[in-house]
N, C-alpha and C. Protein backbone atom coordinates (compact mmCIF):
# COMPACT_ATOMS: atom_id res chain seq x y z
N MET A 1 -32.12 34.00 -4.89
CA MET A 1 -31.19 34.01 -3.64
C MET A 1 -32.55 35.05 -2.44
N THR A 2 -32.49 34.61 -1.36
CA THR A 2 -33.40 34.65 -0.41
C THR A 2 -32.22 35.61 0.67
N GLY A 3 -32.56 36.64 0.79
CA GLY A 3 -32.00 37.29 1.96
C GLY A 3 -32.27 36.85 3.58
N PRO A 4 -31.39 37.48 4.41
CA PRO A 4 -32.03 36.97 5.88
C PRO A 4 -33.11 37.50 6.12
N ALA A 5 -33.72 38.66 5.77
CA ALA A 5 -35.05 38.91 6.21
C ALA A 5 -36.17 38.55 5.35
N GLY A 6 -35.79 37.34 4.77
CA GLY A 6 -37.04 37.14 3.71
C GLY A 6 -37.45 37.64 2.12
N GLU A 7 -36.10 38.92 2.16
CA GLU A 7 -36.42 39.26 0.55
C GLU A 7 -36.02 38.21 -0.46
N THR A 8 -36.42 38.43 -1.79
CA THR A 8 -35.84 37.79 -2.69
C THR A 8 -34.94 38.80 -3.88
N ASN A 9 -33.98 38.38 -3.85
CA ASN A 9 -32.93 39.67 -4.86
C ASN A 9 -33.04 38.62 -5.99
N PHE A 10 -32.71 39.38 -7.27
CA PHE A 10 -32.46 38.58 -8.59
C PHE A 10 -31.36 39.36 -8.86
N CYS A 11 -30.32 38.57 -9.50
CA CYS A 11 -29.06 38.62 -9.74
C CYS A 11 -29.17 38.57 -11.29
N LEU A 12 -28.89 39.63 -11.98
CA LEU A 12 -28.40 39.71 -13.65
C LEU A 12 -26.89 39.72 -14.03
N LEU A 13 -26.68 38.73 -14.56
CA LEU A 13 -25.58 38.85 -15.27
C LEU A 13 -25.68 39.13 -16.36
N VAL A 14 -24.75 39.92 -16.82
CA VAL A 14 -24.83 40.26 -18.50
C VAL A 14 -23.02 40.46 -18.66
N PRO A 15 -23.01 40.28 -20.55
CA PRO A 15 -21.54 40.28 -20.88
C PRO A 15 -21.05 41.27 -20.90
N ALA A 16 -19.94 41.63 -20.72
CA ALA A 16 -19.44 43.00 -20.97
C ALA A 16 -18.80 42.87 -22.13
N TYR A 17 -18.52 44.04 -22.90
CA TYR A 17 -17.80 43.75 -23.92
C TYR A 17 -16.54 44.23 -23.61
N GLU A 18 -15.07 44.42 -24.32
CA GLU A 18 -13.74 44.83 -24.10
C GLU A 18 -13.24 45.68 -23.73
N VAL A 19 -14.47 46.74 -24.13
CA VAL A 19 -13.83 48.17 -23.85
C VAL A 19 -14.63 48.79 -22.66
N GLU A 20 -15.74 47.74 -22.50
CA GLU A 20 -16.67 48.09 -21.01
C GLU A 20 -14.99 47.43 -19.92
N ALA A 21 -14.94 46.40 -19.83
CA ALA A 21 -13.94 45.33 -18.96
C ALA A 21 -12.65 46.57 -19.22
N ASP A 22 -12.14 47.00 -19.72
CA ASP A 22 -10.68 47.55 -19.99
C ASP A 22 -11.05 49.07 -19.37
N LEU A 23 -12.48 49.80 -19.60
CA LEU A 23 -12.40 50.90 -18.61
C LEU A 23 -12.69 50.89 -17.23
N LEU A 24 -13.57 49.63 -16.73
CA LEU A 24 -13.44 48.74 -15.59
C LEU A 24 -11.87 48.42 -15.03
N ALA A 25 -11.18 48.07 -15.66
CA ALA A 25 -9.79 47.80 -14.89
C ALA A 25 -8.88 48.91 -15.00
N SER A 26 -9.13 49.92 -15.99
CA SER A 26 -7.91 50.78 -15.79
C SER A 26 -8.78 52.33 -15.08
N ARG A 27 -10.30 52.27 -14.95
CA ARG A 27 -10.69 53.29 -14.41
C ARG A 27 -11.42 53.46 -12.88
N GLY A 28 -12.00 51.77 -13.06
CA GLY A 28 -12.63 51.57 -11.86
C GLY A 28 -14.36 51.76 -12.02
N PRO A 29 -15.08 51.13 -11.18
CA PRO A 29 -16.50 50.79 -11.62
C PRO A 29 -17.27 52.45 -11.56
N GLU A 30 -16.61 53.60 -11.16
CA GLU A 30 -17.46 54.37 -10.94
C GLU A 30 -17.50 55.30 -12.42
N GLN A 31 -16.24 55.26 -12.76
CA GLN A 31 -16.26 55.78 -14.45
C GLN A 31 -17.10 54.91 -15.23
N LEU A 32 -16.90 53.40 -15.19
CA LEU A 32 -17.80 52.82 -16.17
C LEU A 32 -19.30 52.94 -15.99
N TYR A 33 -19.71 52.87 -14.67
CA TYR A 33 -20.89 53.43 -14.18
C TYR A 33 -21.69 54.84 -15.15
N ASP A 34 -20.55 55.37 -14.90
CA ASP A 34 -21.19 57.42 -15.56
C ASP A 34 -21.00 56.86 -17.07
N ALA A 35 -20.05 55.97 -17.63
CA ALA A 35 -20.26 56.40 -19.21
C ALA A 35 -21.26 55.46 -19.79
N LEU A 36 -21.67 54.32 -18.98
CA LEU A 36 -22.83 53.52 -19.31
C LEU A 36 -23.92 54.47 -18.86
N GLU A 37 -24.27 55.61 -18.05
CA GLU A 37 -25.22 56.28 -17.62
C GLU A 37 -25.36 57.71 -18.69
N GLU A 38 -24.27 57.87 -19.03
CA GLU A 38 -23.92 59.14 -19.99
C GLU A 38 -24.46 58.38 -21.66
N GLN A 39 -23.98 57.43 -21.88
CA GLN A 39 -24.33 57.12 -23.19
C GLN A 39 -25.73 56.24 -22.93
N ASP A 40 -26.31 56.04 -21.99
CA ASP A 40 -28.08 55.63 -22.23
C ASP A 40 -28.22 54.18 -22.22
N VAL A 41 -27.20 53.48 -21.98
CA VAL A 41 -26.61 51.75 -22.29
C VAL A 41 -27.68 51.12 -21.32
N ASP A 42 -28.61 50.66 -22.03
CA ASP A 42 -29.31 49.59 -20.80
C ASP A 42 -29.16 48.12 -20.98
N ILE A 43 -27.94 47.75 -19.88
CA ILE A 43 -27.18 46.83 -19.41
C ILE A 43 -27.92 45.40 -19.76
N SER A 44 -29.68 45.70 -19.47
CA SER A 44 -30.40 44.43 -19.08
C SER A 44 -30.54 43.68 -20.61
N ASP A 45 -30.13 44.53 -21.86
CA ASP A 45 -30.17 44.15 -23.14
C ASP A 45 -29.46 43.43 -23.93
N LEU A 46 -29.40 42.35 -23.55
CA LEU A 46 -28.40 41.45 -24.25
C LEU A 46 -27.89 41.58 -25.47
N ARG A 47 -28.95 42.40 -26.60
CA ARG A 47 -28.70 42.40 -27.90
C ARG A 47 -28.28 44.00 -27.84
N ARG A 48 -27.57 44.45 -27.13
CA ARG A 48 -27.27 46.05 -26.83
C ARG A 48 -25.74 46.29 -27.82
N GLU A 49 -25.70 47.37 -27.96
CA GLU A 49 -24.50 48.05 -28.91
C GLU A 49 -23.35 47.91 -27.75
N ALA A 50 -21.74 47.92 -28.13
CA ALA A 50 -21.07 48.02 -26.84
C ALA A 50 -21.15 49.57 -26.29
N LEU A 51 -20.33 49.67 -25.35
CA LEU A 51 -20.30 51.01 -25.06
C LEU A 51 -19.18 51.74 -25.77
N ARG A 52 -19.70 53.04 -26.07
CA ARG A 52 -18.42 53.48 -27.50
C ARG A 52 -16.85 54.07 -26.23
N ALA A 53 -16.35 53.83 -27.14
CA ALA A 53 -14.90 54.28 -26.05
C ALA A 53 -14.99 55.58 -25.97
N ARG A 54 -14.49 55.65 -24.63
CA ARG A 54 -14.23 57.49 -24.64
C ARG A 54 -12.76 58.19 -24.50
N ILE A 55 -12.87 58.90 -24.96
CA ILE A 55 -11.65 59.86 -25.21
C ILE A 55 -11.23 60.25 -24.02
């Protein structure tokens, strides 16, 4: 995809586990991003483990 200034953007679509989709739906994207960062989840790893549920 090429932007108006001629820069190229690559989009990465990764599957989300049910626990991640639930967190996103119930608490919003910032909470999901924080949880992914706290648990050191590499979302580009397609063989990664699911985010552990937060209590």
